[in-house]
């Protein structure tokens, strides 16, 4: 059997854990990791999760940028929380397929801040998805997914943590099938029972603007959806003064 060649793009804790697993499973699933492209400049996300250190131990070359992909001979591209949007020629440099792990269900929550919007929408179900990459954002065919119910009155931090754990499991359970080609591509448009949604990164700013005239349950829901440790919290504006709500790690409203 021909040994597949894989390039990994990723960052943050989830990228670190998935890359580490990928390296450890290379021999078992008969593939070789031939390149890493990461971003360790965002200290909020990168501290303690140095993917390049893993690559160095495993003798995996660290690429200098996306254009390096076009000079490489490889079969599969895997992206997990990579910070740049790939263009068509980057994606097509993979001879077999390029995939992305999106920590949300598709096509319901394409784009950013998916955890917050799921709480705002009072969604009953969430999930995580591995999909084929294409020039559009999170719009490619679905290969693998995991779905789970959203607990009542959940905070965004807790929904993220559940999704993180489910995403690691999805990655671990799917790598062998991805390498061997044991998957079926399912267009997102084929899921007629699923609503379609897309959100931009800066939309979270509007969600944080609370209004004292709202019903209590709406105010509570928006607070739960936007109170993420490490980020600016939701706020009221009273007499031209911005009153930010800062909650402890374990909260009660």
C-alpha atoms as a PDB file:
ATOM      1  CA  UNK A   1       0.000   0.000   0.000  1.00  0.00           C
ATOM      2  CA  UNK A   2       1.294   3.457  -0.942  1.00  0.00           C
ATOM      3  CA  UNK A   3       2.071   5.646   2.073  1.00  0.00           C
ATOM      4  CA  UNK A   4       0.004   8.836   2.044  1.00  0.00           C
ATOM      5  CA  UNK A   5       1.671  12.190   2.706  1.00  0.00           C
ATOM      6  CA  UNK A   6      -0.112  14.641   5.013  1.00  0.00           C
ATOM      7  CA  UNK A   7       0.317  18.335   5.820  1.00  0.00           C
ATOM      8  CA  UNK A   8      -1.248  19.766   8.984  1.00  0.00           C
ATOM      9  CA  UNK A   9      -2.384  23.359   9.495  1.00  0.00           C
ATOM     10  CA  UNK A  10      -3.433  24.357  12.981  1.00  0.00           C
ATOM     11  CA  UNK A  11      -3.140  26.295  16.193  1.00  0.00           C
ATOM     12  CA  UNK A  12      -4.590  26.675  19.696  1.00  0.00           C
ATOM     13  CA  UNK A  13      -5.112  23.852  22.166  1.00  0.00           C
ATOM     14  CA  UNK A  14      -7.344  21.839  19.840  1.00  0.00           C
ATOM     15  CA  UNK A  15      -4.796  22.062  17.019  1.00  0.00           C
ATOM     16  CA  UNK A  16      -2.024  20.988  19.376  1.00  0.00           C
ATOM     17  CA  UNK A  17      -3.919  17.935  20.600  1.00  0.00           C
ATOM     18  CA  UNK A  18      -4.973  16.867  17.108  1.00  0.00           C
ATOM     19  CA  UNK A  19      -1.478  17.316  15.689  1.00  0.00           C
ATOM     20  CA  UNK A  20       0.024  15.323  18.529  1.00  0.00           C
ATOM     21  CA  UNK A  21      -2.467  12.497  17.864  1.00  0.00           C
ATOM     22  CA  UNK A  22      -1.749  12.652  14.126  1.00  0.00           C
ATOM     23  CA  UNK A  23       1.984  12.206  14.714  1.00  0.00           C
ATOM     24  CA  UNK A  24       1.418   9.282  17.059  1.00  0.00           C
ATOM     25  CA  UNK A  25      -0.848   7.463  14.587  1.00  0.00           C
ATOM     26  CA  UNK A  26       1.305   7.864  11.461  1.00  0.00           C
ATOM     27  CA  UNK A  27       2.779   4.370  11.567  1.00  0.00           C
ATOM     28  CA  UNK A  28      -0.486   2.638  12.508  1.00  0.00           C
ATOM     29  CA  UNK A  29      -2.437   4.207   9.645  1.00  0.00           C
ATOM     30  CA  UNK A  30       0.447   4.145   7.146  1.00  0.00           C
ATOM     31  CA  UNK A  31       0.969   7.840   6.433  1.00  0.00           C
ATOM     32  CA  UNK A  32       3.740  10.387   6.763  1.00  0.00           C
ATOM     33  CA  UNK A  33       3.359  13.941   8.073  1.00  0.00           C
ATOM     34  CA  UNK A  34       5.509  15.987   5.704  1.00  0.00           C
ATOM     35  CA  UNK A  35       4.762  19.506   6.883  1.00  0.00           C
ATOM     36  CA  UNK A  36       3.280  21.751   9.572  1.00  0.00           C
ATOM     37  CA  UNK A  37       2.003  25.291   9.260  1.00  0.00           C
ATOM     38  CA  UNK A  38       0.942  26.956  12.498  1.00  0.00           C
ATOM     39  CA  UNK A  39       0.527  30.294  14.253  1.00  0.00           C
ATOM     40  CA  UNK A  40       1.987  30.752  17.700  1.00  0.00           C
ATOM     41  CA  UNK A  41       1.878  34.540  17.733  1.00  0.00           C
ATOM     42  CA  UNK A  42      -1.502  34.906  19.458  1.00  0.00           C
ATOM     43  CA  UNK A  43      -0.456  34.463  23.092  1.00  0.00           C
ATOM     44  CA  UNK A  44      -4.012  34.069  24.361  1.00  0.00           C
ATOM     45  CA  UNK A  45      -4.345  30.859  22.356  1.00  0.00           C
ATOM     46  CA  UNK A  46      -0.777  29.666  21.859  1.00  0.00           C
ATOM     47  CA  UNK A  47       0.676  29.643  25.369  1.00  0.00           C
ATOM     48  CA  UNK A  48       1.656  26.096  26.244  1.00  0.00           C
ATOM     49  CA  UNK A  49       0.588  24.690  22.887  1.00  0.00           C
ATOM     50  CA  UNK A  50       3.648  24.864  20.665  1.00  0.00           C
ATOM     51  CA  UNK A  51       2.925  22.712  17.640  1.00  0.00           C
ATOM     52  CA  UNK A  52       6.366  23.448  16.240  1.00  0.00           C
ATOM     53  CA  UNK A  53       7.926  21.750  19.258  1.00  0.00           C
ATOM     54  CA  UNK A  54       6.035  18.553  18.417  1.00  0.00           C
ATOM     55  CA  UNK A  55       7.145  18.866  14.800  1.00  0.00           C
ATOM     56  CA  UNK A  56      10.766  19.280  15.812  1.00  0.00           C
ATOM     57  CA  UNK A  57      10.747  16.088  17.881  1.00  0.00           C
ATOM     58  CA  UNK A  58       9.045  14.191  15.039  1.00  0.00           C
ATOM     59  CA  UNK A  59      11.349  15.652  12.351  1.00  0.00           C
ATOM     60  CA  UNK A  60       8.420  17.272  10.554  1.00  0.00           C
ATOM     61  CA  UNK A  61       9.341  20.382   8.508  1.00  0.00           C
ATOM     62  CA  UNK A  62       7.704  23.631   9.642  1.00  0.00           C
ATOM     63  CA  UNK A  63       6.518  25.604   6.616  1.00  0.00           C
ATOM     64  CA  UNK A  64       7.008  29.327   6.284  1.00  0.00           C
ATOM     65  CA  UNK A  65       3.606  30.217   4.826  1.00  0.00           C
ATOM     66  CA  UNK A  66       0.656  29.114   2.738  1.00  0.00           C
ATOM     67  CA  UNK A  67       2.496  29.492  -0.548  1.00  0.00           C
ATOM     68  CA  UNK A  68       4.843  26.716   0.550  1.00  0.00           C
ATOM     69  CA  UNK A  69       1.924  24.311   0.094  1.00  0.00           C
ATOM     70  CA  UNK A  70       2.150  24.794  -3.645  1.00  0.00           C
ATOM     71  CA  UNK A  71       5.742  23.564  -3.695  1.00  0.00           C
ATOM     72  CA  UNK A  72       5.019  20.379  -1.730  1.00  0.00           C
ATOM     73  CA  UNK A  73       4.246  16.869  -2.964  1.00  0.00           C
ATOM     74  CA  UNK A  74       1.500  15.589  -0.677  1.00  0.00           C
ATOM     75  CA  UNK A  75      -1.913  13.937  -0.666  1.00  0.00           C
ATOM     76  CA  UNK A  76      -4.018  15.212   2.233  1.00  0.00           C
ATOM     77  CA  UNK A  77      -4.280  18.617   3.898  1.00  0.00           C
ATOM     78  CA  UNK A  78      -5.782  18.791   7.392  1.00  0.00           C
ATOM     79  CA  UNK A  79      -6.714  22.110   9.012  1.00  0.00           C
ATOM     80  CA  UNK A  80      -7.684  22.521  12.670  1.00  0.00           C
ATOM     81  CA  UNK A  81      -8.270  26.112  13.837  1.00  0.00           C
ATOM     82  CA  UNK A  82      -5.839  27.579  11.331  1.00  0.00           C
ATOM     83  CA  UNK A  83      -5.973  31.378  11.325  1.00  0.00           C
ATOM     84  CA  UNK A  84      -5.882  32.124   7.584  1.00  0.00           C
ATOM     85  CA  UNK A  85      -8.436  31.528   4.837  1.00  0.00           C
ATOM     86  CA  UNK A  86      -6.987  29.320   2.117  1.00  0.00           C
ATOM     87  CA  UNK A  87      -7.369  30.236  -1.534  1.00  0.00           C
ATOM     88  CA  UNK A  88      -8.273  27.864  -4.347  1.00  0.00           C
ATOM     89  CA  UNK A  89      -4.681  27.134  -5.349  1.00  0.00           C
ATOM     90  CA  UNK A  90      -3.707  26.339  -1.758  1.00  0.00           C
ATOM     91  CA  UNK A  91      -6.555  23.859  -1.404  1.00  0.00           C
ATOM     92  CA  UNK A  92      -5.906  22.244  -4.763  1.00  0.00           C
ATOM     93  CA  UNK A  93      -2.240  21.665  -3.925  1.00  0.00           C
ATOM     94  CA  UNK A  94      -3.416  18.579  -2.003  1.00  0.00           C
ATOM     95  CA  UNK A  95      -3.551  15.768  -4.554  1.00  0.00           C
ATOM     96  CA  UNK A  96      -6.364  13.877  -2.796  1.00  0.00           C
ATOM     97  CA  UNK A  97      -8.348  16.122  -0.451  1.00  0.00           C
ATOM     98  CA  UNK A  98      -8.129  19.088   1.919  1.00  0.00           C
ATOM     99  CA  UNK A  99     -10.308  18.983   5.028  1.00  0.00           C
ATOM    100  CA  UNK A 100     -11.096  21.269   7.942  1.00  0.00           C
ATOM    101  CA  UNK A 101     -12.321  20.546  11.469  1.00  0.00           C
ATOM    102  CA  UNK A 102     -15.065  23.093  12.198  1.00  0.00           C
ATOM    103  CA  UNK A 103     -16.179  23.153  15.822  1.00  0.00           C
ATOM    104  CA  UNK A 104     -19.872  23.530  15.031  1.00  0.00           C
ATOM    105  CA  UNK A 105     -22.668  21.709  13.200  1.00  0.00           C
ATOM    106  CA  UNK A 106     -22.994  22.399   9.486  1.00  0.00           C
ATOM    107  CA  UNK A 107     -24.660  24.006   7.658  1.00  0.00           C
ATOM    108  CA  UNK A 108     -26.325  25.642  10.685  1.00  0.00           C
ATOM    109  CA  UNK A 109     -23.296  27.484  12.053  1.00  0.00           C
ATOM    110  CA  UNK A 110     -20.732  28.417   9.435  1.00  0.00           C
ATOM    111  CA  UNK A 111     -18.223  31.126  10.298  1.00  0.00           C
ATOM    112  CA  UNK A 112     -17.397  32.475  13.757  1.00  0.00           C
ATOM    113  CA  UNK A 113     -18.838  32.734  17.289  1.00  0.00           C
ATOM    114  CA  UNK A 114     -20.960  29.638  16.687  1.00  0.00           C
ATOM    115  CA  UNK A 115     -21.218  28.784  20.398  1.00  0.00           C
ATOM    116  CA  UNK A 116     -22.689  32.173  21.253  1.00  0.00           C
ATOM    117  CA  UNK A 117     -25.218  32.122  18.434  1.00  0.00           C
ATOM    118  CA  UNK A 118     -26.387  28.617  19.316  1.00  0.00           C
ATOM    119  CA  UNK A 119     -27.257  29.865  22.822  1.00  0.00           C
ATOM    120  CA  UNK A 120     -28.921  33.005  21.446  1.00  0.00           C
ATOM    121  CA  UNK A 121     -30.955  30.832  19.061  1.00  0.00           C
ATOM    122  CA  UNK A 122     -31.964  28.527  21.934  1.00  0.00           C
ATOM    123  CA  UNK A 123     -30.743  25.622  19.820  1.00  0.00           C
ATOM    124  CA  UNK A 124     -31.357  22.189  21.303  1.00  0.00           C
ATOM    125  CA  UNK A 125     -28.508  20.477  19.454  1.00  0.00           C
ATOM    126  CA  UNK A 126     -24.910  21.328  18.613  1.00  0.00           C
ATOM    127  CA  UNK A 127     -22.019  19.463  17.056  1.00  0.00           C
ATOM    128  CA  UNK A 128     -18.645  19.398  15.371  1.00  0.00           C
ATOM    129  CA  UNK A 129     -17.769  18.634  11.757  1.00  0.00           C
ATOM    130  CA  UNK A 130     -14.956  17.593   9.453  1.00  0.00           C
ATOM    131  CA  UNK A 131     -15.703  18.946   5.969  1.00  0.00           C
ATOM    132  CA  UNK A 132     -13.994  19.249   2.624  1.00  0.00           C
ATOM    133  CA  UNK A 133     -12.280  22.582   2.122  1.00  0.00           C
ATOM    134  CA  UNK A 134     -13.231  24.852  -0.745  1.00  0.00           C
ATOM    135  CA  UNK A 135     -12.773  28.592  -1.373  1.00  0.00           C
ATOM    136  CA  UNK A 136     -15.999  29.397   0.502  1.00  0.00           C
ATOM    137  CA  UNK A 137     -15.982  29.553   4.319  1.00  0.00           C
ATOM    138  CA  UNK A 138     -17.063  26.254   5.959  1.00  0.00           C
ATOM    139  CA  UNK A 139     -19.207  25.457   2.911  1.00  0.00           C
ATOM    140  CA  UNK A 140     -17.669  22.209   1.658  1.00  0.00           C
ATOM    141  CA  UNK A 141     -19.085  18.696   1.709  1.00  0.00           C
ATOM    142  CA  UNK A 142     -19.324  16.931   5.073  1.00  0.00           C
ATOM    143  CA  UNK A 143     -17.180  13.840   5.690  1.00  0.00           C
ATOM    144  CA  UNK A 144     -17.624  13.169   9.424  1.00  0.00           C
ATOM    145  CA  UNK A 145     -19.600  14.731  12.267  1.00  0.00           C
ATOM    146  CA  UNK A 146     -20.656  14.303  15.882  1.00  0.00           C
ATOM    147  CA  UNK A 147     -23.826  15.836  17.351  1.00  0.00           C
ATOM    148  CA  UNK A 148     -25.031  16.201  20.927  1.00  0.00           C
ATOM    149  CA  UNK A 149     -27.814  17.913  22.914  1.00  0.00           C
ATOM    150  CA  UNK A 150     -27.176  21.337  24.443  1.00  0.00           C
ATOM    151  CA  UNK A 151     -27.831  21.324  28.218  1.00  0.00           C
ATOM    152  CA  UNK A 152     -30.376  23.829  29.511  1.00  0.00           C
ATOM    153  CA  UNK A 153     -29.119  27.220  30.737  1.00  0.00           C
ATOM    154  CA  UNK A 154     -25.610  26.560  29.466  1.00  0.00           C
ATOM    155  CA  UNK A 155     -22.901  29.232  29.339  1.00  0.00           C
ATOM    156  CA  UNK A 156     -20.755  29.742  26.258  1.00  0.00           C
ATOM    157  CA  UNK A 157     -17.634  28.582  28.095  1.00  0.00           C
ATOM    158  CA  UNK A 158     -19.255  25.254  28.920  1.00  0.00           C
ATOM    159  CA  UNK A 159     -20.620  24.733  25.414  1.00  0.00           C
ATOM    160  CA  UNK A 160     -17.135  25.360  24.077  1.00  0.00           C
ATOM    161  CA  UNK A 161     -15.676  22.791  26.470  1.00  0.00           C
ATOM    162  CA  UNK A 162     -18.200  20.128  25.470  1.00  0.00           C
ATOM    163  CA  UNK A 163     -17.583  20.859  21.788  1.00  0.00           C
ATOM    164  CA  UNK A 164     -13.836  20.757  22.310  1.00  0.00           C
ATOM    165  CA  UNK A 165     -14.011  17.253  23.788  1.00  0.00           C
ATOM    166  CA  UNK A 166     -16.368  16.071  21.056  1.00  0.00           C
ATOM    167  CA  UNK A 167     -14.066  17.550  18.411  1.00  0.00           C
ATOM    168  CA  UNK A 168     -11.051  15.668  19.721  1.00  0.00           C
ATOM    169  CA  UNK A 169     -13.072  12.443  19.626  1.00  0.00           C
ATOM    170  CA  UNK A 170     -14.259  13.198  16.103  1.00  0.00           C
ATOM    171  CA  UNK A 171     -10.698  13.780  14.940  1.00  0.00           C
ATOM    172  CA  UNK A 172      -9.381  10.650  16.609  1.00  0.00           C
ATOM    173  CA  UNK A 173     -12.205   8.474  15.283  1.00  0.00           C
ATOM    174  CA  UNK A 174     -11.922   9.828  11.732  1.00  0.00           C
ATOM    175  CA  UNK A 175      -8.205   9.936  10.927  1.00  0.00           C
ATOM    176  CA  UNK A 176      -7.914   6.277   9.939  1.00  0.00           C
ATOM    177  CA  UNK A 177     -10.932   6.592   7.622  1.00  0.00           C
ATOM    178  CA  UNK A 178      -9.655   9.849   6.147  1.00  0.00           C
ATOM    179  CA  UNK A 179      -6.282   8.320   5.304  1.00  0.00           C
ATOM    180  CA  UNK A 180      -7.799   5.193   3.754  1.00  0.00           C
ATOM    181  CA  UNK A 181     -10.487   7.102   1.851  1.00  0.00           C
ATOM    182  CA  UNK A 182     -13.287   5.397   3.767  1.00  0.00           C
ATOM    183  CA  UNK A 183     -15.803   8.246   3.649  1.00  0.00           C
ATOM    184  CA  UNK A 184     -18.683   9.631   1.631  1.00  0.00           C
ATOM    185  CA  UNK A 185     -18.844  13.305   0.699  1.00  0.00           C
ATOM    186  CA  UNK A 186     -22.238  14.738   1.653  1.00  0.00           C
ATOM    187  CA  UNK A 187     -23.112  18.181   0.234  1.00  0.00           C
ATOM    188  CA  UNK A 188     -24.420  20.516   2.906  1.00  0.00           C
ATOM    189  CA  UNK A 189     -27.361  21.318   0.639  1.00  0.00           C
ATOM    190  CA  UNK A 190     -28.488  17.684   0.882  1.00  0.00           C
ATOM    191  CA  UNK A 191     -29.472  18.122   4.543  1.00  0.00           C
ATOM    192  CA  UNK A 192     -32.911  19.599   3.875  1.00  0.00           C
ATOM    193  CA  UNK A 193     -33.972  19.432   7.525  1.00  0.00           C
ATOM    194  CA  UNK A 194     -31.094  21.631   8.717  1.00  0.00           C
ATOM    195  CA  UNK A 195     -31.283  25.437   8.687  1.00  0.00           C
ATOM    196  CA  UNK A 196     -28.416  27.344   7.107  1.00  0.00           C
ATOM    197  CA  UNK A 197     -26.496  30.008   9.014  1.00  0.00           C
ATOM    198  CA  UNK A 198     -23.338  32.078   8.695  1.00  0.00           C
ATOM    199  CA  UNK A 199     -21.778  34.569  11.108  1.00  0.00           C
ATOM    200  CA  UNK A 200     -18.860  36.971  10.862  1.00  0.00           C
ATOM    201  CA  UNK A 201     -16.293  37.490  13.618  1.00  0.00           C
ATOM    202  CA  UNK A 202     -17.343  41.052  14.442  1.00  0.00           C
ATOM    203  CA  UNK A 203     -21.008  40.133  14.992  1.00  0.00           C
ATOM    204  CA  UNK A 204     -20.148  39.207  18.580  1.00  0.00           C
ATOM    205  CA  UNK A 205     -19.772  42.923  19.354  1.00  0.00           C
ATOM    206  CA  UNK A 206     -23.478  43.516  18.771  1.00  0.00           C
ATOM    207  CA  UNK A 207     -24.452  40.517  20.891  1.00  0.00           C
ATOM    208  CA  UNK A 208     -22.691  42.046  23.890  1.00  0.00           C
ATOM    209  CA  UNK A 209     -24.874  45.167  23.846  1.00  0.00           C
ATOM    210  CA  UNK A 210     -27.608  44.434  26.390  1.00  0.00           C
ATOM    211  CA  UNK A 211     -30.834  46.417  26.748  1.00  0.00           C
ATOM    212  CA  UNK A 212     -32.531  46.934  30.122  1.00  0.00           C
ATOM    213  CA  UNK A 213     -35.918  46.933  28.367  1.00  0.00           C
ATOM    214  CA  UNK A 214     -35.527  43.314  27.315  1.00  0.00           C
ATOM    215  CA  UNK A 215     -37.363  40.561  29.215  1.00  0.00           C
ATOM    216  CA  UNK A 216     -35.296  38.967  31.970  1.00  0.00           C
ATOM    217  CA  UNK A 217     -34.943  35.647  30.148  1.00  0.00           C
ATOM    218  CA  UNK A 218     -33.526  37.362  27.050  1.00  0.00           C
ATOM    219  CA  UNK A 219     -31.012  39.345  29.093  1.00  0.00           C
ATOM    220  CA  UNK A 220     -29.965  36.166  30.883  1.00  0.00           C
ATOM    221  CA  UNK A 221     -29.595  34.277  27.588  1.00  0.00           C
ATOM    222  CA  UNK A 222     -27.404  36.987  26.060  1.00  0.00           C
ATOM    223  CA  UNK A 223     -25.238  37.089  29.181  1.00  0.00           C
ATOM    224  CA  UNK A 224     -24.751  33.321  29.031  1.00  0.00           C
ATOM    225  CA  UNK A 225     -23.950  33.564  25.323  1.00  0.00           C
ATOM    226  CA  UNK A 226     -21.282  36.273  25.598  1.00  0.00           C
ATOM    227  CA  UNK A 227     -19.578  35.804  28.993  1.00  0.00           C
ATOM    228  CA  UNK A 228     -16.384  34.078  27.874  1.00  0.00           C
ATOM    229  CA  UNK A 229     -13.348  34.256  30.199  1.00  0.00           C
ATOM    230  CA  UNK A 230     -10.459  36.110  28.605  1.00  0.00           C
ATOM    231  CA  UNK A 231     -12.702  38.321  26.476  1.00  0.00           C
ATOM    232  CA  UNK A 232     -14.629  41.539  27.083  1.00  0.00           C
ATOM    233  CA  UNK A 233     -17.987  40.749  28.661  1.00  0.00           C
ATOM    234  CA  UNK A 234     -21.523  41.882  27.814  1.00  0.00           C
ATOM    235  CA  UNK A 235     -22.607  45.302  29.005  1.00  0.00           C
ATOM    236  CA  UNK A 236     -25.410  47.782  29.594  1.00  0.00           C
ATOM    237  CA  UNK A 237     -25.172  51.467  28.718  1.00  0.00           C
ATOM    238  CA  UNK A 238     -26.629  53.696  31.445  1.00  0.00           C
ATOM    239  CA  UNK A 239     -26.381  57.486  31.258  1.00  0.00           C
ATOM    240  CA  UNK A 240     -23.684  57.149  28.592  1.00  0.00           C
ATOM    241  CA  UNK A 241     -21.656  54.900  30.884  1.00  0.00           C
ATOM    242  CA  UNK A 242     -20.698  51.375  29.859  1.00  0.00           C
ATOM    243  CA  UNK A 243     -21.401  48.903  32.660  1.00  0.00           C
ATOM    244  CA  UNK A 244     -19.637  45.632  31.886  1.00  0.00           C
ATOM    245  CA  UNK A 245     -20.847  42.391  33.451  1.00  0.00           C
ATOM    246  CA  UNK A 246     -17.996  40.230  34.709  1.00  0.00           C
ATOM    247  CA  UNK A 247     -18.969  36.812  36.014  1.00  0.00           C
ATOM    248  CA  UNK A 248     -16.886  34.289  37.913  1.00  0.00           C
ATOM    249  CA  UNK A 249     -15.985  30.922  36.394  1.00  0.00           C
ATOM    250  CA  UNK A 250     -19.039  29.231  37.909  1.00  0.00           C
ATOM    251  CA  UNK A 251     -22.010  31.542  37.715  1.00  0.00           C
ATOM    252  CA  UNK A 252     -25.601  31.870  38.690  1.00  0.00           C
ATOM    253  CA  UNK A 253     -27.894  34.526  37.259  1.00  0.00           C
END
